[in-house]
Amino acid sequence: MPRHPDDISKTLLQAVAILLLIGLIAMVLHKGFADVSAVWQQHSGAEFWKALGRYLLRNLAG
């Protein structure tokens, strides 16, 4: 049974949207990991958690 062109284009657009969403999530996770690593290198021990909290509060807006 042949598929309609609308079905094929809808499926293709959904696949593209999923790939873009995966890319966006990967970018956010990479940025978060890099930021936490930078704070970790600057502060050690118990100071790390305080510094991380300050960093997160300071950067809530982006």
C-alpha atoms as a PDB file:
ATOM      1  CA  MET A   1       0.000   0.000   0.000  1.00  0.00           C
ATOM      2  CA  PRO A   2       1.621   3.315  -1.055  1.00  0.00           C
ATOM      3  CA  ARG A   3       2.064   6.041   1.515  1.00  0.00           C
ATOM      4  CA  HIS A   4       0.827   9.561   0.998  1.00  0.00           C
ATOM      5  CA  PRO A   5       3.430  12.309   0.474  1.00  0.00           C
ATOM      6  CA  ASP A   6       2.001  14.131   3.507  1.00  0.00           C
ATOM      7  CA  ASP A   7       2.775  11.139   5.727  1.00  0.00           C
ATOM      8  CA  ILE A   8       6.333  10.924   4.437  1.00  0.00           C
ATOM      9  CA  SER A   9       6.993  14.641   4.938  1.00  0.00           C
ATOM     10  CA  LYS A  10       5.487  14.542   8.429  1.00  0.00           C
ATOM     11  CA  THR A  11       7.695  11.586   9.375  1.00  0.00           C
ATOM     12  CA  LEU A  12      10.763  13.300   7.928  1.00  0.00           C
ATOM     13  CA  LEU A  13      10.048  16.514   9.836  1.00  0.00           C
ATOM     14  CA  GLN A  14       9.562  14.547  13.055  1.00  0.00           C
ATOM     15  CA  ALA A  15      12.922  12.820  12.552  1.00  0.00           C
ATOM     16  CA  VAL A  16      14.629  16.170  11.956  1.00  0.00           C
ATOM     17  CA  ALA A  17      12.967  17.645  15.057  1.00  0.00           C
ATOM     18  CA  ILE A  18      14.146  14.705  17.173  1.00  0.00           C
ATOM     19  CA  LEU A  19      17.713  15.084  15.901  1.00  0.00           C
ATOM     20  CA  LEU A  20      17.673  18.814  16.626  1.00  0.00           C
ATOM     21  CA  LEU A  21      16.293  18.185  20.117  1.00  0.00           C
ATOM     22  CA  ILE A  22      19.049  15.650  20.801  1.00  0.00           C
ATOM     23  CA  GLY A  23      21.617  18.195  19.622  1.00  0.00           C
ATOM     24  CA  LEU A  24      20.147  20.887  21.856  1.00  0.00           C
ATOM     25  CA  ILE A  25      20.156  18.622  24.905  1.00  0.00           C
ATOM     26  CA  ALA A  26      23.746  17.561  24.190  1.00  0.00           C
ATOM     27  CA  MET A  27      24.806  21.204  23.914  1.00  0.00           C
ATOM     28  CA  VAL A  28      23.168  22.135  27.230  1.00  0.00           C
ATOM     29  CA  LEU A  29      24.724  19.134  29.006  1.00  0.00           C
ATOM     30  CA  HIS A  30      28.161  19.925  27.564  1.00  0.00           C
ATOM     31  CA  LYS A  31      27.906  23.568  28.661  1.00  0.00           C
ATOM     32  CA  GLY A  32      26.805  22.516  32.145  1.00  0.00           C
ATOM     33  CA  PHE A  33      29.639  20.020  32.469  1.00  0.00           C
ATOM     34  CA  ALA A  34      32.190  22.599  31.304  1.00  0.00           C
ATOM     35  CA  ASP A  35      30.879  25.213  33.751  1.00  0.00           C
ATOM     36  CA  VAL A  36      30.896  22.833  36.713  1.00  0.00           C
ATOM     37  CA  SER A  37      34.411  21.696  35.775  1.00  0.00           C
ATOM     38  CA  ALA A  38      35.623  25.303  35.679  1.00  0.00           C
ATOM     39  CA  VAL A  39      34.152  25.990  39.129  1.00  0.00           C
ATOM     40  CA  TRP A  40      35.667  22.731  40.393  1.00  0.00           C
ATOM     41  CA  GLN A  41      39.143  23.746  39.212  1.00  0.00           C
ATOM     42  CA  GLN A  42      38.869  27.140  40.911  1.00  0.00           C
ATOM     43  CA  HIS A  43      37.499  25.919  44.268  1.00  0.00           C
ATOM     44  CA  SER A  44      38.291  22.840  46.293  1.00  0.00           C
ATOM     45  CA  GLY A  45      36.603  20.919  49.087  1.00  0.00           C
ATOM     46  CA  ALA A  46      33.591  22.443  50.814  1.00  0.00           C
ATOM     47  CA  GLU A  47      34.165  25.760  49.022  1.00  0.00           C
ATOM     48  CA  PHE A  48      33.194  24.064  45.752  1.00  0.00           C
ATOM     49  CA  TRP A  49      29.544  23.619  46.767  1.00  0.00           C
ATOM     50  CA  LYS A  50      29.260  27.208  47.948  1.00  0.00           C
ATOM     51  CA  ALA A  51      30.897  28.499  44.780  1.00  0.00           C
ATOM     52  CA  LEU A  52      28.680  26.290  42.618  1.00  0.00           C
ATOM     53  CA  GLY A  53      25.581  27.590  44.392  1.00  0.00           C
ATOM     54  CA  ARG A  54      26.691  31.191  43.866  1.00  0.00           C
ATOM     55  CA  TYR A  55      27.456  30.449  40.206  1.00  0.00           C
ATOM     56  CA  LEU A  56      24.036  28.885  39.614  1.00  0.00           C
ATOM     57  CA  LEU A  57      22.183  31.731  41.325  1.00  0.00           C
ATOM     58  CA  ARG A  58      24.210  34.326  39.437  1.00  0.00           C
ATOM     59  CA  ASN A  59      23.497  32.662  36.089  1.00  0.00           C
ATOM     60  CA  LEU A  60      19.801  31.834  36.395  1.00  0.00           C
ATOM     61  CA  ALA A  61      18.932  34.341  33.672  1.00  0.00           C
ATOM     62  CA  GLY A  62      21.340  32.733  31.231  1.00  0.00           C
END
